[in-house]
N, C-alpha and C. Protein backbone atom coordinates (compact mmCIF):
# COMPACT_ATOMS: atom_id res chain seq x y z
N UNK A 1 -9.57 16.16 3.30
CA UNK A 1 -8.11 15.67 3.38
C UNK A 1 -8.20 14.15 2.58
N UNK A 2 -6.87 14.28 1.30
CA UNK A 2 -6.70 13.30 0.85
C UNK A 2 -6.55 12.42 1.86
N UNK A 3 -6.10 10.55 2.12
CA UNK A 3 -6.38 10.28 2.80
C UNK A 3 -5.74 9.05 2.39
N UNK A 4 -4.24 7.91 2.06
CA UNK A 4 -3.66 6.93 1.44
C UNK A 4 -3.55 5.91 3.30
N UNK A 5 -4.54 4.62 2.25
CA UNK A 5 -4.57 3.07 3.43
C UNK A 5 -3.85 2.61 2.29
N UNK A 6 -3.02 2.17 2.23
CA UNK A 6 -1.93 0.98 2.45
C UNK A 6 -2.29 -0.17 3.44
N UNK A 7 -3.10 -2.15 3.24
CA UNK A 7 -3.44 -3.09 4.12
C UNK A 7 -2.64 -3.86 3.00
N UNK A 8 -2.76 -5.50 3.17
CA UNK A 8 -2.03 -6.44 3.27
C UNK A 8 -3.58 -7.06 2.18
N UNK A 9 -2.67 -7.19 1.05
CA UNK A 9 -4.41 -8.11 -0.34
C UNK A 9 -5.45 -9.08 0.69
N UNK A 10 -5.38 -10.04 1.62
CA UNK A 10 -5.79 -11.06 2.06
C UNK A 10 -5.53 -10.88 3.65
N UNK A 11 -6.12 -11.30 4.95
CA UNK A 11 -6.05 -11.54 5.54
C UNK A 11 -5.65 -13.26 6.09
N UNK A 12 -4.80 -13.20 6.93
CA UNK A 12 -4.40 -14.93 7.80
C UNK A 12 -4.86 -15.27 8.94
N UNK A 13 -5.10 -16.12 9.41
CA UNK A 13 -5.24 -16.12 10.23
C UNK A 13 -4.26 -15.57 11.90
N UNK A 14 -4.59 -15.59 12.71
CA UNK A 14 -4.19 -15.37 14.17
C UNK A 14 -3.18 -16.69 14.40
N UNK A 15 -3.55 -17.73 13.95
CA UNK A 15 -2.26 -19.10 14.57
C UNK A 15 -1.60 -19.59 13.56
N UNK A 16 -1.45 -19.01 12.41
CA UNK A 16 -0.61 -18.99 11.94
C UNK A 16 0.55 -20.10 11.76
N UNK A 17 1.09 -19.99 11.30
CA UNK A 17 2.02 -20.28 11.02
C UNK A 17 3.44 -19.56 10.74
N UNK A 18 4.12 -19.17 11.58
CA UNK A 18 5.71 -17.68 11.42
C UNK A 18 5.23 -17.41 10.10
N UNK A 19 5.88 -18.02 8.84
CA UNK A 19 6.08 -17.72 7.47
C UNK A 19 4.76 -17.32 6.93
N UNK A 20 3.32 -17.51 7.08
CA UNK A 20 2.31 -16.67 7.03
C UNK A 20 2.22 -16.27 7.71
N UNK A 21 2.24 -16.02 8.66
CA UNK A 21 1.91 -14.06 9.30
C UNK A 21 2.75 -13.41 8.43
N UNK A 22 3.86 -13.96 8.37
CA UNK A 22 4.69 -12.82 7.59
C UNK A 22 3.84 -11.86 5.32
N UNK A 23 2.91 -13.30 5.42
CA UNK A 23 2.34 -12.51 4.42
C UNK A 23 1.26 -12.72 4.01
N UNK A 24 0.50 -11.40 5.03
CA UNK A 24 -0.51 -11.65 5.57
C UNK A 24 -1.07 -10.74 6.30
N UNK A 25 -2.55 -9.66 6.56
CA UNK A 25 -3.07 -9.24 8.64
C UNK A 25 -3.54 -9.92 9.30
N UNK A 26 -3.36 -10.49 10.13
CA UNK A 26 -3.42 -11.03 11.08
C UNK A 26 -3.89 -10.52 12.44
N UNK A 27 -4.31 -8.76 11.99
CA UNK A 27 -4.95 -8.24 12.96
C UNK A 27 -5.77 -7.67 12.67
N UNK A 28 -6.63 -7.35 11.16
CA UNK A 28 -7.76 -6.67 11.34
C UNK A 28 -7.83 -7.46 10.15
N UNK A 29 -9.14 -8.24 9.20
CA UNK A 29 -9.75 -8.21 8.74
C UNK A 29 -10.18 -7.25 6.73
N UNK A 30 -9.07 -7.76 5.74
CA UNK A 30 -9.00 -6.38 4.87
C UNK A 30 -9.85 -5.95 4.47
N UNK A 31 -11.11 -6.63 4.50
CA UNK A 31 -12.34 -6.90 3.85
C UNK A 31 -12.92 -5.64 4.05
N UNK A 32 -12.33 -5.74 5.62
CA UNK A 32 -13.27 -4.88 6.80
C UNK A 32 -12.47 -3.45 6.13
N UNK A 33 -11.49 -3.10 5.80
CA UNK A 33 -10.40 -2.65 5.44
C UNK A 33 -10.57 -1.73 4.59
N UNK A 34 -11.08 -2.17 3.39
CA UNK A 34 -11.62 -2.11 2.24
C UNK A 34 -12.81 -1.72 2.06
N UNK A 35 -13.66 -2.18 2.97
CA UNK A 35 -15.11 -1.28 3.19
C UNK A 35 -15.93 -0.28 3.72
N UNK A 36 -15.38 0.03 4.77
CA UNK A 36 -15.11 0.87 5.58
C UNK A 36 -14.60 2.35 5.57
N UNK A 37 -13.43 1.87 4.30
CA UNK A 37 -13.24 3.42 4.24
C UNK A 37 -12.60 4.18 3.98
N UNK A 38 -14.02 4.43 3.09
CA UNK A 38 -15.29 5.70 2.63
C UNK A 38 -15.16 5.87 4.13
N UNK A 39 -15.03 6.02 5.35
CA UNK A 39 -16.05 6.34 5.12
C UNK A 39 -14.79 7.75 6.41
N UNK A 40 -13.40 6.75 5.91
CA UNK A 40 -12.98 8.32 6.60
C UNK A 40 -12.41 8.98 6.13
N UNK A 41 -12.85 9.83 4.95
CA UNK A 41 -13.28 10.82 4.12
C UNK A 41 -13.34 9.75 2.53
N UNK A 42 -13.92 11.63 1.93
CA UNK A 42 -14.54 11.43 0.12
C UNK A 42 -13.10 10.85 -0.77
N UNK A 43 -11.97 10.85 0.05
CA UNK A 43 -10.67 11.04 -1.49
C UNK A 43 -9.28 10.11 0.04
N UNK A 44 -10.37 9.08 -0.41
CA UNK A 44 -9.41 8.19 0.77
C UNK A 44 -8.97 7.10 -0.81
N UNK A 45 -8.22 6.83 -0.37
CA UNK A 45 -6.53 5.84 -1.51
C UNK A 45 -7.14 4.34 -0.55
N UNK A 46 -7.27 3.25 -1.37
CA UNK A 46 -7.90 1.83 -0.89
C UNK A 46 -5.74 1.39 -2.02
N UNK A 47 -5.39 0.46 -0.91
CA UNK A 47 -3.68 0.44 -2.00
C UNK A 47 -3.64 -0.53 -1.60
N UNK A 48 -4.42 -2.05 -1.62
CA UNK A 48 -2.95 -3.74 -1.53
C UNK A 48 -2.27 -3.63 -1.49
N UNK A 49 -1.95 -4.49 -0.85
CA UNK A 49 -0.10 -4.92 -1.40
C UNK A 49 0.53 -6.16 -1.23
N UNK A 50 0.70 -6.80 -2.16
CA UNK A 50 0.63 -8.66 -2.25
C UNK A 50 0.98 -8.90 -1.29
N UNK A 51 1.20 -9.88 0.19
CA UNK A 51 1.85 -10.14 1.19
C UNK A 51 2.41 -9.45 2.13
N UNK A 52 1.67 -7.92 1.73
CA UNK A 52 1.80 -7.71 3.18
C UNK A 52 1.21 -7.41 4.39
N UNK A 53 2.33 -7.45 5.49
CA UNK A 53 2.24 -7.55 7.32
C UNK A 53 0.82 -6.29 7.10
N UNK A 54 -0.02 -7.10 8.76
CA UNK A 54 -0.91 -5.64 9.33
C UNK A 54 0.31 -4.61 8.82
N UNK A 55 1.10 -4.20 9.17
CA UNK A 55 2.26 -2.70 9.22
C UNK A 55 2.88 -2.89 7.61
N UNK A 56 1.82 -2.74 6.64
CA UNK A 56 3.05 -2.77 5.59
C UNK A 56 4.44 -2.50 5.46
N UNK A 57 4.84 -2.05 6.36
CA UNK A 57 5.92 -0.99 6.03
C UNK A 57 7.00 -1.88 7.53
N UNK A 58 6.47 -2.77 8.15
CA UNK A 58 7.55 -3.56 7.93
C UNK A 58 7.80 -5.80 8.33
N UNK A 59 6.37 -5.65 7.04
CA UNK A 59 6.71 -6.56 5.27
C UNK A 59 7.76 -6.62 5.21
N UNK A 60 7.84 -8.01 4.44
CA UNK A 60 9.41 -8.78 4.49
C UNK A 60 9.54 -7.94 3.05
N UNK A 61 10.97 -7.99 2.42
CA UNK A 61 11.12 -6.58 1.38
C UNK A 61 10.65 -6.66 0.18
N UNK A 62 9.98 -7.41 -0.36
CA UNK A 62 9.32 -7.16 -1.25
C UNK A 62 7.24 -6.74 -1.54
N UNK A 63 7.03 -6.56 -0.22
CA UNK A 63 5.64 -6.31 -0.47
C UNK A 63 6.97 -4.11 0.17
N UNK A 64 7.41 -4.90 1.73
CA UNK A 64 7.89 -3.85 2.17
C UNK A 64 8.09 -1.97 0.25
N UNK A 65 8.98 -2.87 0.08
CA UNK A 65 9.67 -2.50 -0.77
C UNK A 65 8.14 -1.38 -2.49
N UNK A 66 6.74 -2.21 -2.27
CA UNK A 66 6.33 -1.97 -2.40
C UNK A 66 5.35 -1.42 -2.05
N UNK A 67 5.02 -1.40 -1.02
CA UNK A 67 4.14 0.28 0.05
C UNK A 67 5.44 0.45 0.13
N UNK A 68 5.80 1.75 0.24
CA UNK A 68 6.84 2.96 0.29
C UNK A 68 6.64 3.23 -2.07
N UNK A 69 7.16 2.04 -2.65
CA UNK A 69 6.57 2.87 -4.05
C UNK A 69 5.30 3.08 -4.28
N UNK A 70 4.49 2.54 -3.79
CA UNK A 70 2.81 2.70 -4.18
C UNK A 70 2.69 4.63 -3.13
N UNK A 71 3.78 3.97 -1.70
CA UNK A 71 3.05 5.41 -1.45
C UNK A 71 4.33 7.02 -2.44
N UNK A 72 5.46 6.62 -2.28
CA UNK A 72 5.67 7.45 -3.50
C UNK A 72 5.58 8.05 -3.96
N UNK A 73 4.52 6.82 -5.67
CA UNK A 73 3.38 7.24 -6.68
C UNK A 73 2.14 8.92 -5.54
N UNK A 74 1.46 7.85 -4.55
CA UNK A 74 0.53 8.55 -4.19
C UNK A 74 1.00 10.04 -4.06
N UNK A 75 2.19 10.09 -3.00
CA UNK A 75 2.67 11.55 -2.99
C UNK A 75 2.37 12.47 -3.72
N UNK A 76 3.49 12.43 -4.88
CA UNK A 76 3.77 12.75 -6.68
C UNK A 76 2.10 13.06 -6.87
N UNK A 77 1.51 12.73 -7.15
CA UNK A 77 0.62 12.42 -7.14
C UNK A 77 -0.66 13.89 -6.03
N UNK A 78 -1.15 13.67 -5.28
CA UNK A 78 -1.39 14.15 -4.06
C UNK A 78 -0.90 16.14 -4.94
N UNK A 79 0.75 15.78 -4.74
CA UNK A 79 2.19 16.69 -3.75
C UNK A 79 1.55 17.47 -5.40
N UNK A 80 1.49 16.81 -6.47
CA UNK A 80 1.64 17.01 -7.88
C UNK A 80 3.50 17.44 -8.29
N UNK A 81 4.01 16.07 -7.91
CA UNK A 81 5.44 16.13 -7.67
C UNK A 81 5.42 15.03 -9.07
N UNK A 82 5.09 14.89 -9.63
CA UNK A 82 5.72 14.23 -10.88
C UNK A 82 6.53 14.38 -11.63
N UNK A 83 7.82 13.65 -11.73
CA UNK A 83 8.90 14.25 -12.24
C UNK A 83 8.78 14.04 -14.37
N UNK A 84 8.61 15.26 -14.76
CA UNK A 84 9.30 15.08 -15.66
C UNK A 84 10.14 14.65 -16.63
N UNK A 85 10.56 15.45 -15.65
CA UNK A 85 12.52 14.93 -16.19
C UNK A 85 12.65 13.23 -16.60
N UNK A 86 12.06 13.24 -15.54
CA UNK A 86 12.88 11.05 -15.25
C UNK A 86 11.41 11.08 -16.16
N UNK A 87 10.84 11.21 -16.45
CA UNK A 87 10.11 10.71 -17.10
C UNK A 87 10.71 10.64 -18.59
N UNK A 88 10.48 11.70 -18.68
CA UNK A 88 11.52 12.72 -20.23
C UNK A 88 12.62 11.29 -20.74
N UNK A 89 13.09 11.60 -20.19
CA UNK A 89 13.94 11.00 -20.06
C UNK A 89 14.55 8.91 -20.27
N UNK A 90 13.89 8.57 -19.31
CA UNK A 90 13.46 7.50 -19.67
C UNK A 90 12.70 6.40 -21.44
N UNK A 91 11.51 7.99 -21.78
CA UNK A 91 11.30 7.47 -22.34
C UNK A 91 11.95 7.75 -23.97
N UNK A 92 13.36 9.08 -23.87
CA UNK A 92 14.14 8.70 -24.31
C UNK A 92 13.44 10.05 -24.95
N UNK A 93 12.90 11.18 -24.74
CA UNK A 93 12.48 12.18 -25.35
C UNK A 93 12.93 13.05 -24.53
N UNK A 94 12.94 14.77 -24.79
CA UNK A 94 12.99 15.41 -23.86
C UNK A 94 15.09 16.07 -24.26
C-alpha cells in the first residue's frame, strides 16, 4: 500500500519562541521520521516541506500551500490522473 509522509524540513526545540515553533516540528525529530518511514512499507514517499509545523496542514500559509500541492501531485501520480489537457495547454500544445 503506497503511503505519503509529509514532514517539516527541520526540527525545532519545544521551548523555542512562538515564531520559531510555527516554522518547524517541535513534536518529533524529523531525522527519525525520514529514517524510519521505510518501516511503514516498501512504497513510502517522504516529502519534507520547508518551514512546516508538525501537523503540516496546520502550518503557516506558504508551507501549508506547498503541502497541499505535494499531496495533490502525489495523488495524481498514484491514481494516474495526470491532467494531460492542462499540461498541453500550458505548454502551448494541443
